[in-house]
Amino acid sequence: MGEHIGLLFFSGTGNTQIVTELIQSTLQSKEVIVDIICIEEIVNQNKVVDMDQYSMIGIGYPVYGFKEPRIMKKLTEILPRTKTKDVFIFETAADFISINNNSSQYVIRKLHKKGYNVFYTRIICMGSNFFMKYDDELIKQLYLSALSKVEELCTDVLSRKKRIKTTNFLLRLTTNILHWFEDECLARIFGKSLRVLETCSHCGKCVRNCPSKNIRIKNKKISFKWNCLLCMRCIYNCPKNAIRSRGLSFLILKDGYNIKKIIESSDIKGKYITKDTKGFMKHFQRYFNDSSI
């Protein structure tokens, strides 16, 4: 009997969804049956998924504040108990720095308590949609690199290769503090700071697509509550570009973030990082050249 893998994913502005679809297509090319399930459907719409039908489960999400987004905590509470179900975790992040290696530890710990065997974790670098704008050429280059990284990931998980990266105590403590600040303070304050311009058409797209149900519309008035994840989806997907922040606008990329547009553009070649690259971006050479990362 062949493998039947379920891929559960959460994606804010598209990075993790694209990686999930790459994993799906790569596994299918290896004659694996693959189902994709959106985590928001499980958490927000009470979708019931029979985990016993899968020989293995993959869970994907972006790294927020060096750790998991808040919605992942809800998922680990909802998932049913099982007996030694193999799980691999794939995350997307704007950098591969070692401090991000603590980003899956909470999820791993919670899943282990429910009988899931997490044997593999991997971070796939994609573009930054928050605070720091990456050049479109670099974003394209990261995507092209993701093609080979995903191929390695799929080969590894099908052979049940163990790969769990961790950090030392000091880094774990640091990430816990930083994550608490971003998740419990900055994200919630940012969400409450959001306002809509008069150009808002009241289409309701932001309300429907908010993963934390933080946006409401009443009497054609949009209001934002205190449960924002800082995913930026409402801002970058607004058809009228009508959502702004009072006081925290520096966190928003001026030109927005559209990963699919960058990937599909034939004018963007993806040759930003070269052997002559200097400065902050130079360390990405290691990511591109080292298959173990």
C-alpha atoms as a PDB file:
ATOM      1  CA  MET A   1       0.000   0.000   0.000  1.00  0.00           C
ATOM      2  CA  GLY A   2       1.408   3.397  -1.012  1.00  0.00           C
ATOM      3  CA  GLU A   3       1.709   6.571   0.995  1.00  0.00           C
ATOM      4  CA  HIS A   4      -1.312   8.805   1.583  1.00  0.00           C
ATOM      5  CA  ILE A   5      -0.205  12.131   3.023  1.00  0.00           C
ATOM      6  CA  GLY A   6      -2.309  14.953   4.423  1.00  0.00           C
ATOM      7  CA  LEU A   7      -0.823  18.465   4.235  1.00  0.00           C
ATOM      8  CA  LEU A   8      -2.268  20.899   6.780  1.00  0.00           C
ATOM      9  CA  PHE A   9      -1.224  24.488   6.205  1.00  0.00           C
ATOM     10  CA  PHE A  10      -1.766  28.076   7.312  1.00  0.00           C
ATOM     11  CA  SER A  11      -0.583  30.904   5.067  1.00  0.00           C
ATOM     12  CA  GLY A  12      -0.873  34.616   5.722  1.00  0.00           C
ATOM     13  CA  THR A  13      -0.032  36.215   2.387  1.00  0.00           C
ATOM     14  CA  GLY A  14       0.830  33.202   0.252  1.00  0.00           C
ATOM     15  CA  ASN A  15       4.376  32.018   1.025  1.00  0.00           C
ATOM     16  CA  THR A  16       3.385  28.871   2.909  1.00  0.00           C
ATOM     17  CA  GLN A  17       0.572  28.066   0.497  1.00  0.00           C
ATOM     18  CA  ILE A  18       2.999  28.115  -2.413  1.00  0.00           C
ATOM     19  CA  VAL A  19       5.445  25.849  -0.566  1.00  0.00           C
ATOM     20  CA  THR A  20       2.565  23.514   0.353  1.00  0.00           C
ATOM     21  CA  GLU A  21       1.540  23.270  -3.295  1.00  0.00           C
ATOM     22  CA  LEU A  22       5.156  22.606  -4.288  1.00  0.00           C
ATOM     23  CA  ILE A  23       5.325  19.767  -1.756  1.00  0.00           C
ATOM     24  CA  GLN A  24       2.050  18.381  -3.051  1.00  0.00           C
ATOM     25  CA  SER A  25       3.154  18.368  -6.691  1.00  0.00           C
ATOM     26  CA  THR A  26       6.580  16.919  -5.831  1.00  0.00           C
ATOM     27  CA  LEU A  27       5.076  14.100  -3.769  1.00  0.00           C
ATOM     28  CA  GLN A  28       2.507  13.364  -6.452  1.00  0.00           C
ATOM     29  CA  SER A  29       5.328  13.024  -8.982  1.00  0.00           C
ATOM     30  CA  LYS A  30       6.613  10.266  -6.707  1.00  0.00           C
ATOM     31  CA  GLU A  31       3.219   8.506  -6.908  1.00  0.00           C
ATOM     32  CA  VAL A  32       2.075   9.625  -3.466  1.00  0.00           C
ATOM     33  CA  ILE A  33      -1.577  10.478  -2.817  1.00  0.00           C
ATOM     34  CA  VAL A  34      -1.727  13.944  -1.253  1.00  0.00           C
ATOM     35  CA  ASP A  35      -4.596  15.935   0.270  1.00  0.00           C
ATOM     36  CA  ILE A  36      -4.279  19.622   1.167  1.00  0.00           C
ATOM     37  CA  ILE A  37      -6.281  20.949   4.123  1.00  0.00           C
ATOM     38  CA  CYS A  38      -6.389  24.603   5.143  1.00  0.00           C
ATOM     39  CA  ILE A  39      -5.877  24.943   8.896  1.00  0.00           C
ATOM     40  CA  GLU A  40      -8.335  27.848   9.003  1.00  0.00           C
ATOM     41  CA  GLU A  41     -11.089  25.470   7.924  1.00  0.00           C
ATOM     42  CA  ILE A  42     -10.305  23.233  10.893  1.00  0.00           C
ATOM     43  CA  VAL A  43      -9.968  26.038  13.442  1.00  0.00           C
ATOM     44  CA  ASN A  44     -12.580  28.533  12.240  1.00  0.00           C
ATOM     45  CA  GLN A  45     -15.082  26.371  10.373  1.00  0.00           C
ATOM     46  CA  ASN A  46     -14.932  23.248  12.539  1.00  0.00           C
ATOM     47  CA  LYS A  47     -13.943  21.041   9.627  1.00  0.00           C
ATOM     48  CA  VAL A  48     -13.410  17.468  10.798  1.00  0.00           C
ATOM     49  CA  VAL A  49     -10.448  15.654   9.261  1.00  0.00           C
ATOM     50  CA  ASP A  50      -9.925  11.905   9.705  1.00  0.00           C
ATOM     51  CA  MET A  51      -6.231  11.736  10.505  1.00  0.00           C
ATOM     52  CA  ASP A  52      -6.291   7.930  10.537  1.00  0.00           C
ATOM     53  CA  GLN A  53      -6.665   7.851   6.748  1.00  0.00           C
ATOM     54  CA  TYR A  54      -3.147   9.231   6.338  1.00  0.00           C
ATOM     55  CA  SER A  55       0.103   7.324   6.604  1.00  0.00           C
ATOM     56  CA  MET A  56       1.843  10.622   7.322  1.00  0.00           C
ATOM     57  CA  ILE A  57       0.903  14.240   8.002  1.00  0.00           C
ATOM     58  CA  GLY A  58       2.729  17.409   7.012  1.00  0.00           C
ATOM     59  CA  ILE A  59       2.035  20.659   8.852  1.00  0.00           C
ATOM     60  CA  GLY A  60       3.106  23.996   7.398  1.00  0.00           C
ATOM     61  CA  TYR A  61       2.968  27.560   8.670  1.00  0.00           C
ATOM     62  CA  PRO A  62       4.947  30.830   8.600  1.00  0.00           C
ATOM     63  CA  VAL A  63       7.284  31.855  11.412  1.00  0.00           C
ATOM     64  CA  TYR A  64       5.924  34.852  13.328  1.00  0.00           C
ATOM     65  CA  GLY A  65       8.210  36.442  15.884  1.00  0.00           C
ATOM     66  CA  PHE A  66      10.630  33.474  15.778  1.00  0.00           C
ATOM     67  CA  LYS A  67       7.833  31.031  16.687  1.00  0.00           C
ATOM     68  CA  GLU A  68       4.473  29.691  15.532  1.00  0.00           C
ATOM     69  CA  PRO A  69       1.459  31.902  14.706  1.00  0.00           C
ATOM     70  CA  ARG A  70      -1.299  31.904  17.331  1.00  0.00           C
ATOM     71  CA  ILE A  71      -3.621  29.857  15.138  1.00  0.00           C
ATOM     72  CA  MET A  72      -1.272  26.875  15.479  1.00  0.00           C
ATOM     73  CA  LYS A  73      -1.926  26.739  19.210  1.00  0.00           C
ATOM     74  CA  LYS A  74      -5.625  26.337  18.472  1.00  0.00           C
ATOM     75  CA  LEU A  75      -4.885  23.600  15.943  1.00  0.00           C
ATOM     76  CA  THR A  76      -2.878  21.546  18.425  1.00  0.00           C
ATOM     77  CA  GLU A  77      -5.811  21.761  20.841  1.00  0.00           C
ATOM     78  CA  ILE A  78      -8.316  20.589  18.222  1.00  0.00           C
ATOM     79  CA  LEU A  79      -6.381  17.744  16.604  1.00  0.00           C
ATOM     80  CA  PRO A  80      -7.566  14.335  17.823  1.00  0.00           C
ATOM     81  CA  ARG A  81      -5.304  11.964  19.692  1.00  0.00           C
ATOM     82  CA  THR A  82      -3.602   9.266  17.680  1.00  0.00           C
ATOM     83  CA  LYS A  83      -1.101   6.454  18.010  1.00  0.00           C
ATOM     84  CA  THR A  84       2.393   7.155  16.646  1.00  0.00           C
ATOM     85  CA  LYS A  85       1.255   9.065  13.548  1.00  0.00           C
ATOM     86  CA  ASP A  86       4.340  10.315  11.680  1.00  0.00           C
ATOM     87  CA  VAL A  87       4.463  14.086  11.188  1.00  0.00           C
ATOM     88  CA  PHE A  88       6.829  16.451   9.398  1.00  0.00           C
ATOM     89  CA  ILE A  89       6.766  20.212   9.856  1.00  0.00           C
ATOM     90  CA  PHE A  90       7.684  22.739   7.190  1.00  0.00           C
ATOM     91  CA  GLU A  91       7.835  26.443   7.935  1.00  0.00           C
ATOM     92  CA  THR A  92       8.407  29.531   5.853  1.00  0.00           C
ATOM     93  CA  ALA A  93      10.507  32.419   7.090  1.00  0.00           C
ATOM     94  CA  ALA A  94      12.323  35.446   5.717  1.00  0.00           C
ATOM     95  CA  ASP A  95      15.629  34.107   7.050  1.00  0.00           C
ATOM     96  CA  PHE A  96      17.279  30.832   8.062  1.00  0.00           C
ATOM     97  CA  ILE A  97      19.061  32.250  11.139  1.00  0.00           C
ATOM     98  CA  SER A  98      19.454  29.696  13.925  1.00  0.00           C
ATOM     99  CA  ILE A  99      17.146  31.566  16.297  1.00  0.00           C
ATOM    100  CA  ASN A 100      14.275  30.408  14.059  1.00  0.00           C
ATOM    101  CA  ASN A 101      15.073  26.794  14.934  1.00  0.00           C
ATOM    102  CA  ASN A 102      12.949  27.221  18.050  1.00  0.00           C
ATOM    103  CA  SER A 103       9.892  28.054  15.943  1.00  0.00           C
ATOM    104  CA  SER A 104       8.484  24.518  15.940  1.00  0.00           C
ATOM    105  CA  GLN A 105       9.254  23.415  19.501  1.00  0.00           C
ATOM    106  CA  TYR A 106       5.862  24.347  20.971  1.00  0.00           C
ATOM    107  CA  VAL A 107       4.002  22.537  18.186  1.00  0.00           C
ATOM    108  CA  ILE A 108       6.239  19.478  18.506  1.00  0.00           C
ATOM    109  CA  ARG A 109       5.703  19.304  22.259  1.00  0.00           C
ATOM    110  CA  LYS A 110       1.914  19.571  21.974  1.00  0.00           C
ATOM    111  CA  LEU A 111       1.732  17.022  19.167  1.00  0.00           C
ATOM    112  CA  HIS A 112       3.877  14.522  21.037  1.00  0.00           C
ATOM    113  CA  LYS A 113       1.454  14.674  23.963  1.00  0.00           C
ATOM    114  CA  LYS A 114      -1.304  13.604  21.582  1.00  0.00           C
ATOM    115  CA  GLY A 115       0.633  10.687  20.146  1.00  0.00           C
ATOM    116  CA  TYR A 116       2.058  12.274  17.003  1.00  0.00           C
ATOM    117  CA  ASN A 117       5.645  11.435  16.082  1.00  0.00           C
ATOM    118  CA  VAL A 118       7.284  14.588  14.705  1.00  0.00           C
ATOM    119  CA  PHE A 119      10.456  13.326  13.054  1.00  0.00           C
ATOM    120  CA  TYR A 120      11.327  16.120  10.644  1.00  0.00           C
ATOM    121  CA  THR A 121      11.362  19.941  10.573  1.00  0.00           C
ATOM    122  CA  ARG A 122      12.566  22.295   7.885  1.00  0.00           C
ATOM    123  CA  ILE A 123      12.473  26.044   7.242  1.00  0.00           C
ATOM    124  CA  ILE A 124      12.030  27.208   3.653  1.00  0.00           C
ATOM    125  CA  CYS A 125      13.130  30.818   3.131  1.00  0.00           C
ATOM    126  CA  MET A 126      10.743  33.013   1.177  1.00  0.00           C
ATOM    127  CA  GLY A 127      10.249  36.755   0.781  1.00  0.00           C
ATOM    128  CA  SER A 128       9.632  39.145   3.653  1.00  0.00           C
ATOM    129  CA  ASN A 129       6.140  40.646   3.885  1.00  0.00           C
ATOM    130  CA  PHE A 130       6.735  42.524   7.121  1.00  0.00           C
ATOM    131  CA  PHE A 131       8.816  45.587   8.032  1.00  0.00           C
ATOM    132  CA  MET A 132      11.746  44.846   5.698  1.00  0.00           C
ATOM    133  CA  LYS A 133      11.276  44.876   1.917  1.00  0.00           C
ATOM    134  CA  TYR A 134      13.297  42.357  -0.052  1.00  0.00           C
ATOM    135  CA  ASP A 135      14.235  43.078  -3.655  1.00  0.00           C
ATOM    136  CA  ASP A 136      11.896  41.286  -6.082  1.00  0.00           C
ATOM    137  CA  GLU A 137      14.909  39.557  -7.636  1.00  0.00           C
ATOM    138  CA  LEU A 138      15.844  38.113  -4.240  1.00  0.00           C
ATOM    139  CA  ILE A 139      12.269  36.955  -3.600  1.00  0.00           C
ATOM    140  CA  LYS A 140      12.287  35.185  -6.965  1.00  0.00           C
ATOM    141  CA  GLN A 141      15.678  33.639  -6.195  1.00  0.00           C
ATOM    142  CA  LEU A 142      14.396  32.359  -2.852  1.00  0.00           C
ATOM    143  CA  TYR A 143      11.431  30.791  -4.618  1.00  0.00           C
ATOM    144  CA  LEU A 144      13.680  29.108  -7.187  1.00  0.00           C
ATOM    145  CA  SER A 145      15.804  27.774  -4.347  1.00  0.00           C
ATOM    146  CA  ALA A 146      12.640  26.485  -2.677  1.00  0.00           C
ATOM    147  CA  LEU A 147      12.131  24.159  -5.636  1.00  0.00           C
ATOM    148  CA  SER A 148      15.294  22.220  -4.776  1.00  0.00           C
ATOM    149  CA  LYS A 149      14.723  22.510  -1.009  1.00  0.00           C
ATOM    150  CA  VAL A 150      11.256  21.000  -1.398  1.00  0.00           C
ATOM    151  CA  GLU A 151      12.651  18.162  -3.517  1.00  0.00           C
ATOM    152  CA  GLU A 152      15.110  17.355  -0.715  1.00  0.00           C
ATOM    153  CA  LEU A 153      12.355  17.620   1.888  1.00  0.00           C
ATOM    154  CA  CYS A 154      10.114  15.171   0.034  1.00  0.00           C
ATOM    155  CA  THR A 155      12.915  12.668  -0.464  1.00  0.00           C
ATOM    156  CA  ASP A 156      13.788  12.901   3.230  1.00  0.00           C
ATOM    157  CA  VAL A 157      10.270  12.476   4.625  1.00  0.00           C
ATOM    158  CA  LEU A 158       9.425   9.554   2.357  1.00  0.00           C
ATOM    159  CA  SER A 159      12.494   7.751   3.699  1.00  0.00           C
ATOM    160  CA  ARG A 160      11.550   8.835   7.264  1.00  0.00           C
ATOM    161  CA  LYS A 161      14.872  10.612   7.705  1.00  0.00           C
ATOM    162  CA  LYS A 162      15.037  12.243  11.123  1.00  0.00           C
ATOM    163  CA  ARG A 163      15.797  15.953  11.167  1.00  0.00           C
ATOM    164  CA  ILE A 164      14.939  18.077  14.212  1.00  0.00           C
ATOM    165  CA  LYS A 165      16.877  21.307  14.713  1.00  0.00           C
ATOM    166  CA  THR A 166      16.840  22.943  18.130  1.00  0.00           C
ATOM    167  CA  THR A 167      18.463  25.884  19.898  1.00  0.00           C
ATOM    168  CA  ASN A 168      20.252  26.292  23.196  1.00  0.00           C
ATOM    169  CA  PHE A 169      18.513  27.421  26.375  1.00  0.00           C
ATOM    170  CA  LEU A 170      19.480  31.082  26.001  1.00  0.00           C
ATOM    171  CA  LEU A 171      18.080  31.305  22.464  1.00  0.00           C
ATOM    172  CA  ARG A 172      14.903  29.497  23.521  1.00  0.00           C
ATOM    173  CA  LEU A 173      14.422  31.955  26.359  1.00  0.00           C
ATOM    174  CA  THR A 174      15.087  34.893  24.047  1.00  0.00           C
ATOM    175  CA  THR A 175      12.634  33.704  21.383  1.00  0.00           C
ATOM    176  CA  ASN A 176       9.951  33.032  23.985  1.00  0.00           C
ATOM    177  CA  ILE A 177      10.230  36.608  25.249  1.00  0.00           C
ATOM    178  CA  LEU A 178      10.343  38.156  21.771  1.00  0.00           C
ATOM    179  CA  HIS A 179       7.453  36.027  20.559  1.00  0.00           C
ATOM    180  CA  TRP A 180       5.318  36.925  23.569  1.00  0.00           C
ATOM    181  CA  PHE A 181       5.935  40.615  22.873  1.00  0.00           C
ATOM    182  CA  GLU A 182       5.078  40.358  19.173  1.00  0.00           C
ATOM    183  CA  ASP A 183       2.134  38.003  19.547  1.00  0.00           C
ATOM    184  CA  GLU A 184       0.477  39.324  22.696  1.00  0.00           C
ATOM    185  CA  CYS A 185       1.406  43.012  22.416  1.00  0.00           C
ATOM    186  CA  LEU A 186       2.537  44.230  19.004  1.00  0.00           C
ATOM    187  CA  ALA A 187       0.159  42.133  16.878  1.00  0.00           C
ATOM    188  CA  ARG A 188      -2.906  43.006  18.939  1.00  0.00           C
ATOM    189  CA  ILE A 189      -2.029  46.722  19.088  1.00  0.00           C
ATOM    190  CA  PHE A 190      -1.288  46.720  15.357  1.00  0.00           C
ATOM    191  CA  GLY A 191      -4.682  45.203  14.601  1.00  0.00           C
ATOM    192  CA  LYS A 192      -6.449  47.775  16.722  1.00  0.00           C
ATOM    193  CA  SER A 193      -4.506  50.563  14.979  1.00  0.00           C
ATOM    194  CA  LEU A 194      -5.931  49.672  11.569  1.00  0.00           C
ATOM    195  CA  ARG A 195      -8.412  51.978   9.861  1.00  0.00           C
ATOM    196  CA  VAL A 196     -10.070  52.070   6.427  1.00  0.00           C
ATOM    197  CA  LEU A 197      -9.952  54.993   4.030  1.00  0.00           C
ATOM    198  CA  GLU A 198     -12.968  56.523   2.329  1.00  0.00           C
ATOM    199  CA  THR A 199     -12.010  54.582  -0.792  1.00  0.00           C
ATOM    200  CA  CYS A 200     -13.171  51.365   0.936  1.00  0.00           C
ATOM    201  CA  SER A 201     -15.908  49.732  -1.166  1.00  0.00           C
ATOM    202  CA  HIS A 202     -17.208  47.631   1.753  1.00  0.00           C
ATOM    203  CA  CYS A 203     -16.738  44.472  -0.299  1.00  0.00           C
ATOM    204  CA  GLY A 204     -16.150  42.491   2.895  1.00  0.00           C
ATOM    205  CA  LYS A 205     -13.103  40.635   1.561  1.00  0.00           C
ATOM    206  CA  CYS A 206     -11.012  41.528   4.604  1.00  0.00           C
ATOM    207  CA  VAL A 207     -13.774  40.338   6.941  1.00  0.00           C
ATOM    208  CA  ARG A 208     -14.197  37.006   5.158  1.00  0.00           C
ATOM    209  CA  ASN A 209     -10.470  36.306   4.852  1.00  0.00           C
ATOM    210  CA  CYS A 210      -9.216  37.286   8.302  1.00  0.00           C
ATOM    211  CA  PRO A 211      -7.790  34.091   9.879  1.00  0.00           C
ATOM    212  CA  SER A 212      -8.447  35.303  13.428  1.00  0.00           C
ATOM    213  CA  LYS A 213     -11.894  36.802  12.795  1.00  0.00           C
ATOM    214  CA  ASN A 214     -10.533  40.142  13.925  1.00  0.00           C
ATOM    215  CA  ILE A 215     -12.421  42.295  11.406  1.00  0.00           C
ATOM    216  CA  ARG A 216     -16.126  43.075  11.530  1.00  0.00           C
ATOM    217  CA  ILE A 217     -18.509  45.017   9.361  1.00  0.00           C
ATOM    218  CA  LYS A 218     -21.693  46.578  10.674  1.00  0.00           C
ATOM    219  CA  ASN A 219     -23.802  49.265   9.029  1.00  0.00           C
ATOM    220  CA  LYS A 220     -21.112  49.520   6.326  1.00  0.00           C
ATOM    221  CA  LYS A 221     -18.490  50.346   8.930  1.00  0.00           C
ATOM    222  CA  ILE A 222     -15.323  48.256   9.246  1.00  0.00           C
ATOM    223  CA  SER A 223     -13.935  47.755  12.745  1.00  0.00           C
ATOM    224  CA  PHE A 224     -10.815  45.974  13.977  1.00  0.00           C
ATOM    225  CA  LYS A 225     -10.597  44.159  17.314  1.00  0.00           C
ATOM    226  CA  TRP A 226      -7.738  42.937  19.531  1.00  0.00           C
ATOM    227  CA  ASN A 227      -7.077  39.498  18.021  1.00  0.00           C
ATOM    228  CA  CYS A 228      -4.822  40.355  15.056  1.00  0.00           C
ATOM    229  CA  LEU A 229      -2.129  37.828  14.047  1.00  0.00           C
ATOM    230  CA  LEU A 230      -0.073  40.426  12.142  1.00  0.00           C
ATOM    231  CA  CYS A 231      -0.338  38.302   8.994  1.00  0.00           C
ATOM    232  CA  MET A 232      -0.895  41.378   6.757  1.00  0.00           C
ATOM    233  CA  ARG A 233      -3.416  39.524   4.584  1.00  0.00           C
ATOM    234  CA  CYS A 234      -6.169  42.124   4.866  1.00  0.00           C
ATOM    235  CA  ILE A 235      -3.816  44.981   3.942  1.00  0.00           C
ATOM    236  CA  TYR A 236      -2.078  43.433   0.942  1.00  0.00           C
ATOM    237  CA  ASN A 237      -5.220  41.777  -0.465  1.00  0.00           C
ATOM    238  CA  CYS A 238      -7.499  44.811  -0.220  1.00  0.00           C
ATOM    239  CA  PRO A 239      -8.722  45.537  -3.782  1.00  0.00           C
ATOM    240  CA  LYS A 240      -8.887  49.258  -3.006  1.00  0.00           C
ATOM    241  CA  ASN A 241      -5.657  49.444  -0.969  1.00  0.00           C
ATOM    242  CA  ALA A 242      -7.780  51.122   1.667  1.00  0.00           C
ATOM    243  CA  ILE A 243      -6.432  49.748   4.951  1.00  0.00           C
ATOM    244  CA  ARG A 244      -3.925  51.811   6.920  1.00  0.00           C
ATOM    245  CA  SER A 245      -2.333  51.789  10.369  1.00  0.00           C
ATOM    246  CA  ARG A 246      -2.223  54.729  12.722  1.00  0.00           C
ATOM    247  CA  GLY A 247       1.227  54.808  14.317  1.00  0.00           C
ATOM    248  CA  LEU A 248       2.582  51.462  13.067  1.00  0.00           C
ATOM    249  CA  SER A 249       2.613  52.032   9.317  1.00  0.00           C
ATOM    250  CA  PHE A 250       6.378  51.305   9.211  1.00  0.00           C
ATOM    251  CA  LEU A 251       5.543  47.606   9.597  1.00  0.00           C
ATOM    252  CA  ILE A 252       3.666  47.631   6.279  1.00  0.00           C
ATOM    253  CA  LEU A 253       5.567  47.291   3.005  1.00  0.00           C
ATOM    254  CA  LYS A 254       4.876  50.404   0.970  1.00  0.00           C
ATOM    255  CA  ASP A 255       4.323  48.544  -2.304  1.00  0.00           C
ATOM    256  CA  GLY A 256       2.549  45.611  -0.688  1.00  0.00           C
ATOM    257  CA  TYR A 257       3.475  41.957  -1.100  1.00  0.00           C
ATOM    258  CA  ASN A 258       2.304  39.722  -3.948  1.00  0.00           C
ATOM    259  CA  ILE A 259       4.424  36.596  -4.126  1.00  0.00           C
ATOM    260  CA  LYS A 260       2.471  35.061  -7.016  1.00  0.00           C
ATOM    261  CA  LYS A 261       2.957  38.152  -9.172  1.00  0.00           C
ATOM    262  CA  ILE A 262       6.706  38.017  -8.570  1.00  0.00           C
ATOM    263  CA  ILE A 263       6.939  34.298  -9.321  1.00  0.00           C
ATOM    264  CA  GLU A 264       4.933  34.588 -12.529  1.00  0.00           C
ATOM    265  CA  SER A 265       6.807  37.634 -13.849  1.00  0.00           C
ATOM    266  CA  SER A 266       9.151  36.776 -16.724  1.00  0.00           C
ATOM    267  CA  ASP A 267      10.981  40.070 -16.199  1.00  0.00           C
ATOM    268  CA  ILE A 268      12.199  39.010 -12.751  1.00  0.00           C
ATOM    269  CA  LYS A 269      15.031  36.510 -13.250  1.00  0.00           C
ATOM    270  CA  GLY A 270      16.037  35.726  -9.680  1.00  0.00           C
ATOM    271  CA  LYS A 271      19.764  36.494  -9.791  1.00  0.00           C
ATOM    272  CA  TYR A 272      20.137  38.887  -6.875  1.00  0.00           C
ATOM    273  CA  ILE A 273      22.600  37.007  -4.667  1.00  0.00           C
ATOM    274  CA  THR A 274      25.908  36.298  -6.407  1.00  0.00           C
ATOM    275  CA  LYS A 275      29.404  35.422  -5.246  1.00  0.00           C
ATOM    276  CA  ASP A 276      30.160  39.155  -5.152  1.00  0.00           C
ATOM    277  CA  THR A 277      27.247  40.041  -2.866  1.00  0.00           C
ATOM    278  CA  LYS A 278      28.189  42.111   0.159  1.00  0.00           C
ATOM    279  CA  GLY A 279      26.479  43.297   3.323  1.00  0.00           C
ATOM    280  CA  PHE A 280      23.468  41.838   5.114  1.00  0.00           C
ATOM    281  CA  MET A 281      22.273  39.683   2.217  1.00  0.00           C
ATOM    282  CA  LYS A 282      25.614  37.949   1.767  1.00  0.00           C
ATOM    283  CA  HIS A 283      24.749  35.226   4.257  1.00  0.00           C
ATOM    284  CA  PHE A 284      22.028  33.951   1.894  1.00  0.00           C
ATOM    285  CA  GLN A 285      24.846  32.463  -0.206  1.00  0.00           C
ATOM    286  CA  ARG A 286      25.153  29.786   2.446  1.00  0.00           C
ATOM    287  CA  TYR A 287      21.432  29.019   2.259  1.00  0.00           C
ATOM    288  CA  PHE A 288      21.540  28.673  -1.509  1.00  0.00           C
ATOM    289  CA  ASN A 289      24.685  26.537  -1.542  1.00  0.00           C
ATOM    290  CA  ASP A 290      24.223  24.290   1.508  1.00  0.00           C
ATOM    291  CA  SER A 291      21.702  21.493   1.001  1.00  0.00           C
ATOM    292  CA  SER A 292      21.691  20.707   4.734  1.00  0.00           C
ATOM    293  CA  ILE A 293      19.940  24.023   5.503  1.00  0.00           C
END
